[in-house]
Amino acid sequence: MADYLRTVASFRTTPNGVFSLKAMELGRQGWERYFATQGIAPLRIDYDEVVEDHDGVCRRILEAVDPTADHSMVPPDRIGVRRQADSISDEWPARFVADEGGDVLPGS
């Protein structure tokens, strides 16, 4: 964990004050190493999954927290989750990459 904290402490930010893509990738790799060394299989949930299947995601979380509980009593989705993205949201990734000088994450 100390190596991970040293890596985080060395992160640089873009002119807009946000972490660089490289720094975020290093952080992701640090968490992956931490989970692997601790024998942790993290529950991974994507934003799009929450929007598309809120009830299913809630049930997955409950199952991960307490596999023995009766989750059939989970009420149907009543909070009206919907995707909030718009054209401005689409511009943010391009702006972020431009701020990085075209430095993109490996594999993207």
N, C-alpha and C. Protein backbone atom coordinates (compact mmCIF):
# COMPACT_ATOMS: atom_id res chain seq x y z
N MET A 1 0.83 -1.20 0.00
CA MET A 1 0.00 0.00 0.00
C MET A 1 0.87 1.26 0.00
N ALA A 2 2.03 1.19 0.63
CA ALA A 2 2.92 2.36 0.67
C ALA A 2 3.35 2.76 -0.74
N ASP A 3 3.65 1.76 -1.60
CA ASP A 3 4.03 2.07 -2.98
C ASP A 3 2.90 2.79 -3.70
N TYR A 4 1.67 2.31 -3.48
CA TYR A 4 0.52 2.94 -4.11
C TYR A 4 0.38 4.39 -3.65
N LEU A 5 0.53 4.63 -2.36
CA LEU A 5 0.40 5.99 -1.84
C LEU A 5 1.50 6.90 -2.39
N ARG A 6 2.72 6.38 -2.54
CA ARG A 6 3.79 7.19 -3.14
C ARG A 6 3.45 7.53 -4.59
N THR A 7 2.87 6.57 -5.31
CA THR A 7 2.49 6.83 -6.70
C THR A 7 1.43 7.91 -6.76
N VAL A 8 0.41 7.81 -5.91
CA VAL A 8 -0.65 8.82 -5.89
C VAL A 8 -0.08 10.19 -5.55
N ALA A 9 0.84 10.25 -4.60
CA ALA A 9 1.43 11.53 -4.20
C ALA A 9 2.21 12.18 -5.33
N SER A 10 2.69 11.38 -6.30
CA SER A 10 3.49 11.93 -7.39
C SER A 10 2.65 12.33 -8.60
N PHE A 11 1.32 12.14 -8.54
CA PHE A 11 0.47 12.46 -9.68
C PHE A 11 0.57 13.94 -10.02
N ARG A 12 0.56 14.21 -11.28
CA ARG A 12 0.49 15.60 -11.72
C ARG A 12 -0.92 15.87 -12.22
N THR A 13 -1.29 17.12 -12.30
CA THR A 13 -2.61 17.46 -12.81
C THR A 13 -2.48 18.21 -14.11
N THR A 14 -3.58 18.25 -14.86
CA THR A 14 -3.61 19.01 -16.10
C THR A 14 -3.76 20.49 -15.75
N PRO A 15 -3.67 21.39 -16.74
CA PRO A 15 -3.88 22.81 -16.46
C PRO A 15 -5.24 23.09 -15.82
N ASN A 16 -6.23 22.22 -16.07
CA ASN A 16 -7.56 22.41 -15.49
C ASN A 16 -7.64 21.87 -14.07
N GLY A 17 -6.53 21.30 -13.55
CA GLY A 17 -6.52 20.82 -12.18
C GLY A 17 -7.04 19.41 -11.99
N VAL A 18 -7.15 18.64 -13.07
CA VAL A 18 -7.61 17.26 -12.93
C VAL A 18 -6.45 16.31 -13.16
N PHE A 19 -6.58 15.08 -12.63
CA PHE A 19 -5.53 14.10 -12.82
C PHE A 19 -5.31 13.82 -14.29
N SER A 20 -4.07 13.57 -14.66
CA SER A 20 -3.76 13.22 -16.03
C SER A 20 -4.24 11.80 -16.31
N LEU A 21 -4.39 11.48 -17.57
CA LEU A 21 -4.78 10.13 -17.96
C LEU A 21 -3.76 9.11 -17.47
N LYS A 22 -2.49 9.45 -17.60
CA LYS A 22 -1.44 8.54 -17.16
C LYS A 22 -1.55 8.30 -15.65
N ALA A 23 -1.80 9.37 -14.91
CA ALA A 23 -1.93 9.23 -13.46
C ALA A 23 -3.13 8.36 -13.10
N MET A 24 -4.23 8.54 -13.81
CA MET A 24 -5.41 7.72 -13.52
C MET A 24 -5.13 6.25 -13.85
N GLU A 25 -4.43 6.00 -14.94
CA GLU A 25 -4.09 4.62 -15.29
C GLU A 25 -3.16 4.01 -14.25
N LEU A 26 -2.19 4.78 -13.77
CA LEU A 26 -1.32 4.28 -12.72
C LEU A 26 -2.11 3.97 -11.45
N GLY A 27 -3.07 4.81 -11.14
CA GLY A 27 -3.92 4.58 -9.98
C GLY A 27 -4.74 3.31 -10.15
N ARG A 28 -5.31 3.12 -11.33
CA ARG A 28 -6.08 1.91 -11.60
C ARG A 28 -5.21 0.67 -11.43
N GLN A 29 -4.00 0.74 -11.98
CA GLN A 29 -3.08 -0.40 -11.87
C GLN A 29 -2.71 -0.65 -10.41
N GLY A 30 -2.55 0.42 -9.64
CA GLY A 30 -2.25 0.27 -8.22
C GLY A 30 -3.36 -0.45 -7.47
N TRP A 31 -4.61 -0.07 -7.76
CA TRP A 31 -5.73 -0.76 -7.12
C TRP A 31 -5.80 -2.22 -7.55
N GLU A 32 -5.55 -2.49 -8.83
CA GLU A 32 -5.57 -3.88 -9.30
C GLU A 32 -4.51 -4.71 -8.57
N ARG A 33 -3.32 -4.15 -8.39
CA ARG A 33 -2.27 -4.86 -7.65
C ARG A 33 -2.69 -5.08 -6.20
N TYR A 34 -3.27 -4.06 -5.59
CA TYR A 34 -3.72 -4.18 -4.20
C TYR A 34 -4.76 -5.30 -4.07
N PHE A 35 -5.77 -5.28 -4.94
CA PHE A 35 -6.80 -6.32 -4.88
C PHE A 35 -6.18 -7.70 -5.06
N ALA A 36 -5.26 -7.83 -6.02
CA ALA A 36 -4.64 -9.13 -6.29
C ALA A 36 -3.83 -9.61 -5.09
N THR A 37 -3.04 -8.72 -4.49
CA THR A 37 -2.19 -9.15 -3.36
C THR A 37 -3.02 -9.47 -2.12
N GLN A 38 -4.19 -8.86 -2.01
CA GLN A 38 -5.05 -9.10 -0.85
C GLN A 38 -6.06 -10.22 -1.10
N GLY A 39 -6.07 -10.75 -2.33
CA GLY A 39 -7.02 -11.80 -2.67
C GLY A 39 -8.45 -11.31 -2.74
N ILE A 40 -8.63 -10.07 -3.14
CA ILE A 40 -9.96 -9.45 -3.21
C ILE A 40 -10.46 -9.49 -4.64
N ALA A 41 -11.69 -9.95 -4.81
CA ALA A 41 -12.36 -9.87 -6.11
C ALA A 41 -13.39 -8.75 -5.99
N PRO A 42 -13.04 -7.53 -6.42
CA PRO A 42 -13.96 -6.41 -6.23
C PRO A 42 -15.23 -6.55 -7.06
N LEU A 43 -16.31 -6.04 -6.55
CA LEU A 43 -17.56 -5.99 -7.30
C LEU A 43 -17.45 -4.81 -8.25
N ARG A 44 -17.49 -5.09 -9.52
CA ARG A 44 -17.33 -4.04 -10.53
C ARG A 44 -18.70 -3.70 -11.12
N ILE A 45 -19.03 -2.42 -11.05
CA ILE A 45 -20.31 -1.95 -11.54
C ILE A 45 -20.06 -0.76 -12.46
N ASP A 46 -20.58 -0.84 -13.63
CA ASP A 46 -20.44 0.22 -14.63
C ASP A 46 -21.65 1.15 -14.55
N TYR A 47 -21.43 2.41 -14.79
CA TYR A 47 -22.50 3.40 -14.75
C TYR A 47 -23.65 3.00 -15.67
N ASP A 48 -23.31 2.53 -16.88
CA ASP A 48 -24.36 2.15 -17.83
C ASP A 48 -25.20 1.00 -17.29
N GLU A 49 -24.60 0.10 -16.53
CA GLU A 49 -25.37 -0.99 -15.92
C GLU A 49 -26.41 -0.45 -14.95
N VAL A 50 -26.04 0.55 -14.17
CA VAL A 50 -26.96 1.14 -13.20
C VAL A 50 -28.14 1.77 -13.93
N VAL A 51 -27.86 2.46 -15.02
CA VAL A 51 -28.92 3.11 -15.79
C VAL A 51 -29.83 2.06 -16.44
N GLU A 52 -29.23 1.02 -17.02
CA GLU A 52 -30.00 0.02 -17.77
C GLU A 52 -30.74 -0.96 -16.87
N ASP A 53 -30.17 -1.32 -15.72
CA ASP A 53 -30.76 -2.34 -14.87
C ASP A 53 -30.53 -2.02 -13.40
N HIS A 54 -31.14 -0.95 -12.95
CA HIS A 54 -30.95 -0.48 -11.58
C HIS A 54 -31.29 -1.57 -10.57
N ASP A 55 -32.44 -2.22 -10.73
CA ASP A 55 -32.85 -3.27 -9.78
C ASP A 55 -31.83 -4.41 -9.75
N GLY A 56 -31.39 -4.83 -10.93
CA GLY A 56 -30.43 -5.93 -11.00
C GLY A 56 -29.12 -5.58 -10.33
N VAL A 57 -28.66 -4.35 -10.52
CA VAL A 57 -27.41 -3.91 -9.89
C VAL A 57 -27.58 -3.85 -8.37
N CYS A 58 -28.72 -3.34 -7.91
CA CYS A 58 -28.98 -3.31 -6.46
C CYS A 58 -28.96 -4.72 -5.88
N ARG A 59 -29.54 -5.66 -6.58
CA ARG A 59 -29.56 -7.05 -6.11
C ARG A 59 -28.14 -7.63 -6.08
N ARG A 60 -27.32 -7.30 -7.09
CA ARG A 60 -25.92 -7.76 -7.10
C ARG A 60 -25.16 -7.22 -5.90
N ILE A 61 -25.38 -5.95 -5.58
CA ILE A 61 -24.70 -5.34 -4.43
C ILE A 61 -25.15 -6.03 -3.14
N LEU A 62 -26.45 -6.21 -2.99
CA LEU A 62 -26.97 -6.88 -1.79
C LEU A 62 -26.44 -8.30 -1.67
N GLU A 63 -26.37 -9.00 -2.78
CA GLU A 63 -25.84 -10.37 -2.79
C GLU A 63 -24.37 -10.39 -2.35
N ALA A 64 -23.62 -9.39 -2.80
CA ALA A 64 -22.20 -9.31 -2.43
C ALA A 64 -22.03 -8.98 -0.95
N VAL A 65 -22.92 -8.15 -0.42
CA VAL A 65 -22.83 -7.76 0.98
C VAL A 65 -23.31 -8.88 1.90
N ASP A 66 -24.41 -9.51 1.52
CA ASP A 66 -24.97 -10.58 2.38
C ASP A 66 -25.61 -11.65 1.50
N PRO A 67 -24.84 -12.66 1.09
CA PRO A 67 -25.37 -13.70 0.21
C PRO A 67 -26.47 -14.54 0.84
N THR A 68 -26.59 -14.52 2.17
CA THR A 68 -27.60 -15.35 2.83
C THR A 68 -28.94 -14.65 3.01
N ALA A 69 -29.01 -13.36 2.77
CA ALA A 69 -30.24 -12.61 2.98
C ALA A 69 -31.26 -12.90 1.88
N ASP A 70 -32.54 -12.68 2.21
CA ASP A 70 -33.62 -12.84 1.23
C ASP A 70 -33.77 -11.53 0.47
N HIS A 71 -33.29 -11.53 -0.75
CA HIS A 71 -33.33 -10.30 -1.55
C HIS A 71 -34.60 -10.18 -2.39
N SER A 72 -35.51 -11.11 -2.22
CA SER A 72 -36.76 -11.04 -2.98
C SER A 72 -37.63 -9.88 -2.50
N MET A 73 -37.31 -9.34 -1.34
CA MET A 73 -38.10 -8.24 -0.80
C MET A 73 -37.63 -6.87 -1.29
N VAL A 74 -36.63 -6.85 -2.16
CA VAL A 74 -36.14 -5.57 -2.68
C VAL A 74 -37.25 -4.95 -3.52
N PRO A 75 -37.69 -3.74 -3.18
CA PRO A 75 -38.78 -3.12 -3.93
C PRO A 75 -38.33 -2.75 -5.35
N PRO A 76 -39.28 -2.66 -6.25
CA PRO A 76 -38.91 -2.25 -7.62
C PRO A 76 -38.31 -0.85 -7.63
N ASP A 77 -37.62 -0.54 -8.71
CA ASP A 77 -36.97 0.76 -8.85
C ASP A 77 -38.00 1.87 -8.70
N ARG A 78 -37.81 2.70 -7.69
CA ARG A 78 -38.74 3.80 -7.48
C ARG A 78 -38.04 5.16 -7.58
N ILE A 79 -36.75 5.16 -7.85
CA ILE A 79 -36.06 6.44 -7.85
C ILE A 79 -35.88 7.00 -9.26
N GLY A 80 -36.32 6.28 -10.26
CA GLY A 80 -36.30 6.81 -11.62
C GLY A 80 -34.92 7.14 -12.14
N VAL A 81 -34.00 6.19 -12.05
CA VAL A 81 -32.65 6.42 -12.56
C VAL A 81 -32.72 6.56 -14.08
N ARG A 82 -32.09 7.59 -14.57
CA ARG A 82 -32.01 7.77 -16.02
C ARG A 82 -30.66 8.39 -16.34
N ARG A 83 -30.19 8.10 -17.53
CA ARG A 83 -28.92 8.65 -17.97
C ARG A 83 -29.05 10.16 -18.09
N GLN A 84 -28.07 10.88 -17.55
CA GLN A 84 -28.14 12.33 -17.55
C GLN A 84 -27.19 12.98 -18.55
N ALA A 85 -26.55 12.17 -19.36
CA ALA A 85 -25.58 12.70 -20.33
C ALA A 85 -26.28 13.54 -21.39
N ASP A 86 -25.54 14.51 -21.89
CA ASP A 86 -26.02 15.33 -23.00
C ASP A 86 -24.83 15.66 -23.89
N SER A 87 -25.00 16.59 -24.81
CA SER A 87 -23.92 16.90 -25.75
C SER A 87 -22.68 17.45 -25.03
N ILE A 88 -22.87 18.15 -23.92
CA ILE A 88 -21.72 18.66 -23.17
C ILE A 88 -20.94 17.48 -22.58
N SER A 89 -21.65 16.48 -22.08
CA SER A 89 -20.97 15.29 -21.55
C SER A 89 -20.11 14.63 -22.60
N ASP A 90 -20.56 14.64 -23.84
CA ASP A 90 -19.80 14.04 -24.93
C ASP A 90 -18.52 14.82 -25.23
N GLU A 91 -18.54 16.12 -24.95
CA GLU A 91 -17.37 16.96 -25.22
C GLU A 91 -16.26 16.77 -24.18
N TRP A 92 -16.61 16.40 -22.97
CA TRP A 92 -15.63 16.32 -21.89
C TRP A 92 -14.48 15.35 -22.17
N PRO A 93 -14.75 14.13 -22.64
CA PRO A 93 -13.61 13.23 -22.90
C PRO A 93 -12.66 13.79 -23.95
N ALA A 94 -13.21 14.38 -25.00
CA ALA A 94 -12.35 14.94 -26.05
C ALA A 94 -11.51 16.09 -25.49
N ARG A 95 -12.11 16.92 -24.66
CA ARG A 95 -11.37 18.03 -24.06
C ARG A 95 -10.28 17.52 -23.13
N PHE A 96 -10.60 16.48 -22.37
CA PHE A 96 -9.64 15.90 -21.45
C PHE A 96 -8.43 15.37 -22.20
N VAL A 97 -8.67 14.63 -23.28
CA VAL A 97 -7.58 14.08 -24.10
C VAL A 97 -6.79 15.23 -24.73
N ALA A 98 -7.47 16.26 -25.21
CA ALA A 98 -6.77 17.41 -25.80
C ALA A 98 -5.88 18.09 -24.78
N ASP A 99 -6.35 18.22 -23.54
CA ASP A 99 -5.55 18.81 -22.48
C ASP A 99 -4.30 17.99 -22.19
N GLU A 100 -4.40 16.69 -22.44
CA GLU A 100 -3.29 15.78 -22.21
C GLU A 100 -2.34 15.73 -23.40
N GLY A 101 -2.65 16.50 -24.44
CA GLY A 101 -1.79 16.48 -25.63
C GLY A 101 -1.91 15.18 -26.41
N GLY A 102 -3.09 14.56 -26.35
CA GLY A 102 -3.32 13.34 -27.09
C GLY A 102 -2.85 12.09 -26.36
N ASP A 103 -2.36 12.23 -25.12
CA ASP A 103 -1.91 11.10 -24.33
C ASP A 103 -3.12 10.31 -23.85
N VAL A 104 -3.35 9.13 -24.45
CA VAL A 104 -4.53 8.35 -24.08
C VAL A 104 -4.13 7.09 -23.35
N LEU A 105 -5.09 6.51 -22.67
CA LEU A 105 -4.85 5.30 -21.90
C LEU A 105 -4.48 4.13 -22.82
N PRO A 106 -3.63 3.22 -22.36
CA PRO A 106 -3.33 2.03 -23.15
C PRO A 106 -4.60 1.24 -23.42
N GLY A 107 -4.73 0.80 -24.67
CA GLY A 107 -5.87 -0.03 -25.02
C GLY A 107 -7.13 0.73 -25.34
N SER A 108 -7.09 2.07 -25.29
CA SER A 108 -8.32 2.81 -25.58
C SER A 108 -8.28 3.38 -26.98
